Amino acid sequence: MHSPDPAQVAALISSTDDATLEDQVTALGVDGVLEQIFAEMARRFLPQRAPGRSAVIQYDVRLRDGSVHSWQMNIDHGSCEVSAGTGYIPRLTAAVALPKFLRLLTGSLDPMVAFLSGELKLRGDVMLAQQMQGWFDRRY
């Protein structure tokens, strides 16, 4: 079995409405999908773009049923480790609905637009959110 083409996945995400997108991810298993996404984010970390940086970034991904799936990214002097849950005190927390999270990751939703519209809520070091956009390979 081969991995899906990221460009095709991005196109599918941008052309699917929020409810359908969430239903499809729920059918696949939200935890498993998020585990794959965060593992890929860690793989795409570019340590040379974040020299000497340390931060815990928490993502609170919300579903329509009100449940929240929290993941943390621990960036520490050239490494990026991800884990489910809330084990560390985050420097930045990003709260976002699952479909919007997927759209942010694939580039079909601009982070600034999402923040200004209230679709993306940030707590903590908001400037870190802007800085860390360059820390990851976002090419498809």
N, C-alpha and C. Protein backbone atom coordinates (compact mmCIF):
# COMPACT_ATOMS: atom_id res chain seq x y z
N MET A 1 0.84 -1.18 0.00
CA MET A 1 0.00 0.00 0.00
C MET A 1 0.89 1.24 0.00
N HIS A 2 0.60 2.19 -0.86
CA HIS A 2 1.42 3.40 -0.95
C HIS A 2 0.71 4.57 -0.27
N SER A 3 1.52 5.55 0.11
CA SER A 3 0.97 6.74 0.75
C SER A 3 0.30 7.61 -0.30
N PRO A 4 -0.79 8.29 0.07
CA PRO A 4 -1.44 9.17 -0.89
C PRO A 4 -0.56 10.36 -1.22
N ASP A 5 -0.71 10.87 -2.42
CA ASP A 5 0.03 12.04 -2.87
C ASP A 5 -0.45 13.26 -2.07
N PRO A 6 0.46 13.95 -1.36
CA PRO A 6 0.05 15.10 -0.54
C PRO A 6 -0.69 16.17 -1.34
N ALA A 7 -0.31 16.39 -2.59
CA ALA A 7 -0.99 17.40 -3.41
C ALA A 7 -2.45 16.99 -3.67
N GLN A 8 -2.67 15.68 -3.88
CA GLN A 8 -4.04 15.19 -4.10
C GLN A 8 -4.86 15.32 -2.82
N VAL A 9 -4.23 15.02 -1.68
CA VAL A 9 -4.92 15.15 -0.40
C VAL A 9 -5.29 16.61 -0.17
N ALA A 10 -4.36 17.53 -0.43
CA ALA A 10 -4.63 18.96 -0.26
C ALA A 10 -5.78 19.40 -1.16
N ALA A 11 -5.81 18.93 -2.40
CA ALA A 11 -6.90 19.29 -3.33
C ALA A 11 -8.23 18.75 -2.82
N LEU A 12 -8.23 17.53 -2.31
CA LEU A 12 -9.45 16.93 -1.77
C LEU A 12 -9.95 17.73 -0.57
N ILE A 13 -9.04 18.12 0.32
CA ILE A 13 -9.42 18.89 1.51
C ILE A 13 -10.01 20.23 1.11
N SER A 14 -9.39 20.90 0.14
CA SER A 14 -9.88 22.24 -0.24
C SER A 14 -11.21 22.19 -0.96
N SER A 15 -11.56 21.03 -1.53
CA SER A 15 -12.81 20.95 -2.30
C SER A 15 -13.95 20.27 -1.54
N THR A 16 -13.73 19.92 -0.28
CA THR A 16 -14.73 19.22 0.51
C THR A 16 -15.26 20.14 1.61
N ASP A 17 -16.57 20.15 1.82
CA ASP A 17 -17.14 21.02 2.86
C ASP A 17 -16.75 20.50 4.24
N ASP A 18 -16.81 21.39 5.23
CA ASP A 18 -16.34 21.08 6.58
C ASP A 18 -17.01 19.84 7.18
N ALA A 19 -18.33 19.75 7.10
CA ALA A 19 -19.04 18.63 7.73
C ALA A 19 -18.62 17.30 7.10
N THR A 20 -18.54 17.26 5.78
CA THR A 20 -18.14 16.03 5.09
C THR A 20 -16.70 15.67 5.44
N LEU A 21 -15.85 16.66 5.47
CA LEU A 21 -14.44 16.43 5.80
C LEU A 21 -14.31 15.83 7.20
N GLU A 22 -15.01 16.42 8.15
CA GLU A 22 -14.94 15.90 9.52
C GLU A 22 -15.52 14.49 9.59
N ASP A 23 -16.62 14.24 8.89
CA ASP A 23 -17.22 12.90 8.88
C ASP A 23 -16.25 11.87 8.31
N GLN A 24 -15.53 12.23 7.24
CA GLN A 24 -14.58 11.31 6.63
C GLN A 24 -13.42 11.00 7.57
N VAL A 25 -12.91 12.02 8.25
CA VAL A 25 -11.81 11.79 9.20
C VAL A 25 -12.30 10.97 10.39
N THR A 26 -13.51 11.24 10.85
CA THR A 26 -14.08 10.47 11.96
C THR A 26 -14.22 9.00 11.57
N ALA A 27 -14.66 8.75 10.34
CA ALA A 27 -14.80 7.37 9.87
C ALA A 27 -13.44 6.65 9.82
N LEU A 28 -12.39 7.38 9.50
CA LEU A 28 -11.04 6.80 9.46
C LEU A 28 -10.46 6.61 10.86
N GLY A 29 -10.96 7.39 11.81
CA GLY A 29 -10.44 7.38 13.18
C GLY A 29 -9.62 8.64 13.44
N VAL A 30 -10.20 9.57 14.15
CA VAL A 30 -9.58 10.88 14.38
C VAL A 30 -8.19 10.74 14.99
N ASP A 31 -8.06 9.91 16.01
CA ASP A 31 -6.76 9.79 16.69
C ASP A 31 -5.68 9.29 15.75
N GLY A 32 -6.01 8.30 14.93
CA GLY A 32 -5.03 7.76 13.99
C GLY A 32 -4.64 8.77 12.93
N VAL A 33 -5.61 9.53 12.43
CA VAL A 33 -5.33 10.55 11.42
C VAL A 33 -4.45 11.64 12.02
N LEU A 34 -4.80 12.10 13.23
CA LEU A 34 -3.99 13.14 13.87
C LEU A 34 -2.58 12.63 14.17
N GLU A 35 -2.45 11.38 14.57
CA GLU A 35 -1.13 10.81 14.82
C GLU A 35 -0.28 10.87 13.55
N GLN A 36 -0.86 10.52 12.41
CA GLN A 36 -0.14 10.58 11.14
C GLN A 36 0.24 12.01 10.78
N ILE A 37 -0.70 12.93 10.99
CA ILE A 37 -0.44 14.34 10.66
C ILE A 37 0.69 14.89 11.50
N PHE A 38 0.64 14.66 12.81
CA PHE A 38 1.68 15.22 13.67
C PHE A 38 3.03 14.55 13.44
N ALA A 39 3.04 13.26 13.12
CA ALA A 39 4.29 12.59 12.78
C ALA A 39 4.89 13.22 11.52
N GLU A 40 4.05 13.53 10.55
CA GLU A 40 4.53 14.17 9.33
C GLU A 40 5.03 15.59 9.62
N MET A 41 4.36 16.30 10.51
CA MET A 41 4.83 17.64 10.88
C MET A 41 6.22 17.55 11.50
N ALA A 42 6.43 16.59 12.39
CA ALA A 42 7.74 16.41 13.02
C ALA A 42 8.79 16.07 11.96
N ARG A 43 8.41 15.25 11.00
CA ARG A 43 9.34 14.86 9.93
C ARG A 43 9.71 16.07 9.07
N ARG A 44 8.78 17.01 8.91
CA ARG A 44 9.01 18.17 8.06
C ARG A 44 9.66 19.35 8.80
N PHE A 45 9.98 19.16 10.07
CA PHE A 45 10.65 20.20 10.84
C PHE A 45 12.02 20.49 10.24
N LEU A 46 12.34 21.76 10.09
CA LEU A 46 13.62 22.20 9.52
C LEU A 46 14.45 22.86 10.63
N PRO A 47 15.27 22.08 11.33
CA PRO A 47 15.98 22.62 12.50
C PRO A 47 16.87 23.83 12.17
N GLN A 48 17.38 23.90 10.97
CA GLN A 48 18.24 25.03 10.60
C GLN A 48 17.46 26.34 10.55
N ARG A 49 16.13 26.27 10.49
CA ARG A 49 15.32 27.49 10.48
C ARG A 49 14.88 27.92 11.88
N ALA A 50 15.21 27.10 12.87
CA ALA A 50 14.84 27.42 14.26
C ALA A 50 16.04 27.18 15.17
N PRO A 51 17.19 27.75 14.83
CA PRO A 51 18.39 27.47 15.62
C PRO A 51 18.25 27.94 17.07
N GLY A 52 18.55 27.01 17.97
CA GLY A 52 18.53 27.34 19.40
C GLY A 52 17.15 27.57 19.99
N ARG A 53 16.11 27.34 19.22
CA ARG A 53 14.75 27.61 19.71
C ARG A 53 14.23 26.45 20.54
N SER A 54 13.48 26.78 21.57
CA SER A 54 12.79 25.79 22.40
C SER A 54 11.39 26.30 22.68
N ALA A 55 10.42 25.46 22.48
CA ALA A 55 9.04 25.83 22.76
C ALA A 55 8.16 24.60 22.71
N VAL A 56 7.11 24.61 23.52
CA VAL A 56 6.07 23.60 23.43
C VAL A 56 4.86 24.30 22.84
N ILE A 57 4.38 23.75 21.72
CA ILE A 57 3.20 24.28 21.05
C ILE A 57 2.11 23.23 21.16
N GLN A 58 0.96 23.63 21.65
CA GLN A 58 -0.16 22.71 21.82
C GLN A 58 -1.22 23.03 20.79
N TYR A 59 -1.77 22.00 20.19
CA TYR A 59 -2.89 22.13 19.27
C TYR A 59 -4.10 21.47 19.91
N ASP A 60 -5.17 22.23 20.07
CA ASP A 60 -6.44 21.70 20.55
C ASP A 60 -7.38 21.64 19.35
N VAL A 61 -7.55 20.43 18.82
CA VAL A 61 -8.34 20.22 17.61
C VAL A 61 -9.75 19.80 18.03
N ARG A 62 -10.73 20.65 17.70
CA ARG A 62 -12.12 20.44 18.12
C ARG A 62 -12.94 19.73 17.05
N LEU A 63 -13.87 18.91 17.54
CA LEU A 63 -14.85 18.27 16.66
C LEU A 63 -16.22 18.88 16.92
N ARG A 64 -17.14 18.66 16.00
CA ARG A 64 -18.50 19.20 16.15
C ARG A 64 -19.18 18.72 17.42
N ASP A 65 -18.86 17.52 17.87
CA ASP A 65 -19.51 16.98 19.07
C ASP A 65 -18.98 17.61 20.36
N GLY A 66 -18.04 18.56 20.23
CA GLY A 66 -17.50 19.25 21.39
C GLY A 66 -16.23 18.63 21.95
N SER A 67 -15.86 17.46 21.47
CA SER A 67 -14.64 16.84 21.97
C SER A 67 -13.42 17.58 21.43
N VAL A 68 -12.34 17.51 22.20
CA VAL A 68 -11.08 18.16 21.84
C VAL A 68 -9.97 17.12 21.88
N HIS A 69 -9.19 17.08 20.81
CA HIS A 69 -8.04 16.19 20.73
C HIS A 69 -6.80 17.08 20.80
N SER A 70 -6.05 16.97 21.90
CA SER A 70 -4.88 17.82 22.11
C SER A 70 -3.61 17.07 21.72
N TRP A 71 -2.74 17.80 21.03
CA TRP A 71 -1.42 17.30 20.65
C TRP A 71 -0.41 18.37 20.98
N GLN A 72 0.77 17.92 21.39
CA GLN A 72 1.83 18.87 21.67
C GLN A 72 3.05 18.59 20.79
N MET A 73 3.66 19.69 20.40
CA MET A 73 4.88 19.64 19.63
C MET A 73 5.96 20.28 20.52
N ASN A 74 6.97 19.49 20.85
CA ASN A 74 8.05 19.97 21.70
C ASN A 74 9.28 20.20 20.83
N ILE A 75 9.56 21.47 20.58
CA ILE A 75 10.72 21.86 19.79
C ILE A 75 11.82 22.23 20.77
N ASP A 76 12.95 21.56 20.65
CA ASP A 76 14.02 21.77 21.61
C ASP A 76 15.38 21.67 20.93
N HIS A 77 15.97 22.83 20.64
CA HIS A 77 17.33 22.93 20.10
C HIS A 77 17.60 21.92 18.98
N GLY A 78 16.82 22.01 17.92
CA GLY A 78 17.07 21.20 16.73
C GLY A 78 16.25 19.94 16.61
N SER A 79 15.45 19.63 17.61
CA SER A 79 14.61 18.44 17.51
C SER A 79 13.14 18.85 17.62
N CYS A 80 12.29 18.00 17.08
CA CYS A 80 10.84 18.23 17.16
C CYS A 80 10.19 16.89 17.48
N GLU A 81 9.61 16.81 18.65
CA GLU A 81 8.90 15.61 19.07
C GLU A 81 7.44 15.95 19.27
N VAL A 82 6.57 15.03 18.88
CA VAL A 82 5.13 15.24 19.00
C VAL A 82 4.54 14.16 19.90
N SER A 83 3.48 14.52 20.61
CA SER A 83 2.80 13.55 21.46
C SER A 83 1.36 13.97 21.68
N ALA A 84 0.51 12.98 21.83
CA ALA A 84 -0.89 13.25 22.15
C ALA A 84 -0.98 13.67 23.60
N GLY A 85 -1.93 14.56 23.89
CA GLY A 85 -2.16 14.95 25.27
C GLY A 85 -1.61 16.31 25.61
N THR A 86 -1.53 16.55 26.92
CA THR A 86 -1.16 17.86 27.44
C THR A 86 -0.10 17.73 28.53
N GLY A 87 0.95 16.98 28.26
CA GLY A 87 1.96 16.68 29.28
C GLY A 87 2.84 17.84 29.71
N TYR A 88 2.97 18.84 28.86
CA TYR A 88 3.85 19.96 29.16
C TYR A 88 3.06 21.27 29.19
N ILE A 89 3.60 22.27 29.85
CA ILE A 89 2.97 23.59 29.83
C ILE A 89 3.36 24.25 28.51
N PRO A 90 2.36 24.56 27.66
CA PRO A 90 2.69 25.12 26.36
C PRO A 90 3.03 26.61 26.42
N ARG A 91 3.91 27.00 25.52
CA ARG A 91 4.21 28.42 25.34
C ARG A 91 3.15 29.06 24.45
N LEU A 92 2.56 28.23 23.58
CA LEU A 92 1.51 28.68 22.66
C LEU A 92 0.49 27.56 22.52
N THR A 93 -0.79 27.92 22.57
CA THR A 93 -1.86 26.97 22.31
C THR A 93 -2.69 27.49 21.15
N ALA A 94 -2.90 26.62 20.17
CA ALA A 94 -3.72 26.93 19.00
C ALA A 94 -4.97 26.06 19.06
N ALA A 95 -6.14 26.68 19.14
CA ALA A 95 -7.40 25.95 19.18
C ALA A 95 -8.11 26.17 17.85
N VAL A 96 -8.52 25.06 17.22
CA VAL A 96 -9.11 25.15 15.89
C VAL A 96 -9.97 23.92 15.62
N ALA A 97 -11.03 24.10 14.85
CA ALA A 97 -11.88 22.98 14.45
C ALA A 97 -11.11 22.08 13.48
N LEU A 98 -11.39 20.80 13.51
CA LEU A 98 -10.67 19.83 12.68
C LEU A 98 -10.61 20.21 11.20
N PRO A 99 -11.72 20.54 10.55
CA PRO A 99 -11.63 20.88 9.13
C PRO A 99 -10.73 22.09 8.87
N LYS A 100 -10.81 23.09 9.72
CA LYS A 100 -9.97 24.28 9.55
C LYS A 100 -8.49 23.94 9.78
N PHE A 101 -8.22 23.06 10.73
CA PHE A 101 -6.86 22.60 10.98
C PHE A 101 -6.29 21.95 9.71
N LEU A 102 -7.06 21.08 9.09
CA LEU A 102 -6.61 20.43 7.86
C LEU A 102 -6.38 21.45 6.75
N ARG A 103 -7.25 22.44 6.66
CA ARG A 103 -7.10 23.47 5.62
C ARG A 103 -5.87 24.35 5.89
N LEU A 104 -5.59 24.62 7.16
CA LEU A 104 -4.38 25.38 7.50
C LEU A 104 -3.13 24.61 7.07
N LEU A 105 -3.12 23.33 7.36
CA LEU A 105 -1.95 22.51 7.04
C LEU A 105 -1.70 22.38 5.55
N THR A 106 -2.77 22.35 4.77
CA THR A 106 -2.61 22.14 3.33
C THR A 106 -2.54 23.44 2.56
N GLY A 107 -2.64 24.57 3.27
CA GLY A 107 -2.48 25.86 2.61
C GLY A 107 -3.73 26.42 1.99
N SER A 108 -4.88 25.75 2.15
CA SER A 108 -6.10 26.30 1.56
C SER A 108 -6.79 27.29 2.50
N LEU A 109 -6.26 27.47 3.71
CA LEU A 109 -6.74 28.49 4.64
C LEU A 109 -5.53 29.23 5.17
N ASP A 110 -5.50 30.53 4.97
CA ASP A 110 -4.40 31.37 5.43
C ASP A 110 -4.47 31.52 6.95
N PRO A 111 -3.36 31.29 7.66
CA PRO A 111 -3.38 31.39 9.13
C PRO A 111 -3.84 32.76 9.64
N MET A 112 -3.41 33.84 8.98
CA MET A 112 -3.80 35.17 9.44
C MET A 112 -5.30 35.38 9.25
N VAL A 113 -5.84 34.93 8.14
CA VAL A 113 -7.28 35.03 7.89
C VAL A 113 -8.04 34.23 8.94
N ALA A 114 -7.55 33.02 9.22
CA ALA A 114 -8.21 32.17 10.22
C ALA A 114 -8.17 32.83 11.60
N PHE A 115 -7.05 33.43 11.95
CA PHE A 115 -6.92 34.10 13.25
C PHE A 115 -7.85 35.30 13.33
N LEU A 116 -7.83 36.15 12.31
CA LEU A 116 -8.64 37.36 12.34
C LEU A 116 -10.14 37.07 12.30
N SER A 117 -10.53 35.95 11.69
CA SER A 117 -11.95 35.58 11.61
C SER A 117 -12.42 34.82 12.85
N GLY A 118 -11.48 34.47 13.74
CA GLY A 118 -11.84 33.73 14.95
C GLY A 118 -11.88 32.23 14.76
N GLU A 119 -11.54 31.73 13.57
CA GLU A 119 -11.53 30.28 13.34
C GLU A 119 -10.33 29.63 14.01
N LEU A 120 -9.27 30.40 14.21
CA LEU A 120 -8.06 29.95 14.89
C LEU A 120 -7.88 30.83 16.11
N LYS A 121 -7.91 30.22 17.28
CA LYS A 121 -7.73 30.97 18.52
C LYS A 121 -6.36 30.64 19.10
N LEU A 122 -5.62 31.67 19.44
CA LEU A 122 -4.27 31.50 19.98
C LEU A 122 -4.21 32.03 21.40
N ARG A 123 -3.53 31.27 22.28
CA ARG A 123 -3.28 31.70 23.66
C ARG A 123 -1.79 31.57 23.92
N GLY A 124 -1.24 32.54 24.60
CA GLY A 124 0.18 32.49 24.93
C GLY A 124 0.97 33.40 24.01
N ASP A 125 2.13 32.93 23.58
CA ASP A 125 3.06 33.70 22.76
C ASP A 125 2.60 33.72 21.31
N VAL A 126 1.73 34.67 20.99
CA VAL A 126 1.12 34.76 19.66
C VAL A 126 2.18 35.00 18.59
N MET A 127 3.22 35.74 18.92
CA MET A 127 4.28 36.00 17.94
C MET A 127 4.99 34.70 17.53
N LEU A 128 5.03 33.74 18.42
CA LEU A 128 5.64 32.45 18.10
C LEU A 128 4.90 31.77 16.96
N ALA A 129 3.59 31.93 16.91
CA ALA A 129 2.80 31.33 15.83
C ALA A 129 3.26 31.82 14.47
N GLN A 130 3.55 33.08 14.38
CA GLN A 130 4.01 33.65 13.12
C GLN A 130 5.43 33.18 12.79
N GLN A 131 6.29 33.16 13.79
CA GLN A 131 7.68 32.76 13.58
C GLN A 131 7.79 31.30 13.13
N MET A 132 7.00 30.43 13.75
CA MET A 132 7.16 29.00 13.50
C MET A 132 6.64 28.55 12.14
N GLN A 133 5.93 29.41 11.42
CA GLN A 133 5.45 29.03 10.10
C GLN A 133 6.61 28.67 9.18
N GLY A 134 7.77 29.30 9.37
CA GLY A 134 8.93 29.02 8.54
C GLY A 134 9.77 27.84 9.01
N TRP A 135 9.38 27.21 10.10
CA TRP A 135 10.17 26.12 10.66
C TRP A 135 9.88 24.77 10.02
N PHE A 136 8.93 24.72 9.09
CA PHE A 136 8.50 23.43 8.53
C PHE A 136 8.49 23.50 7.01
N ASP A 137 8.84 22.38 6.38
CA ASP A 137 8.78 22.24 4.94
C ASP A 137 7.31 22.08 4.56
N ARG A 138 6.77 23.06 3.84
CA ARG A 138 5.35 23.02 3.48
C ARG A 138 5.13 22.69 2.00
N ARG A 139 6.19 22.24 1.33
CA ARG A 139 6.06 21.90 -0.09
C ARG A 139 5.31 20.60 -0.28
N TYR A 140 4.54 20.55 -1.37
CA TYR A 140 3.82 19.31 -1.72
C TYR A 140 4.32 18.77 -3.03
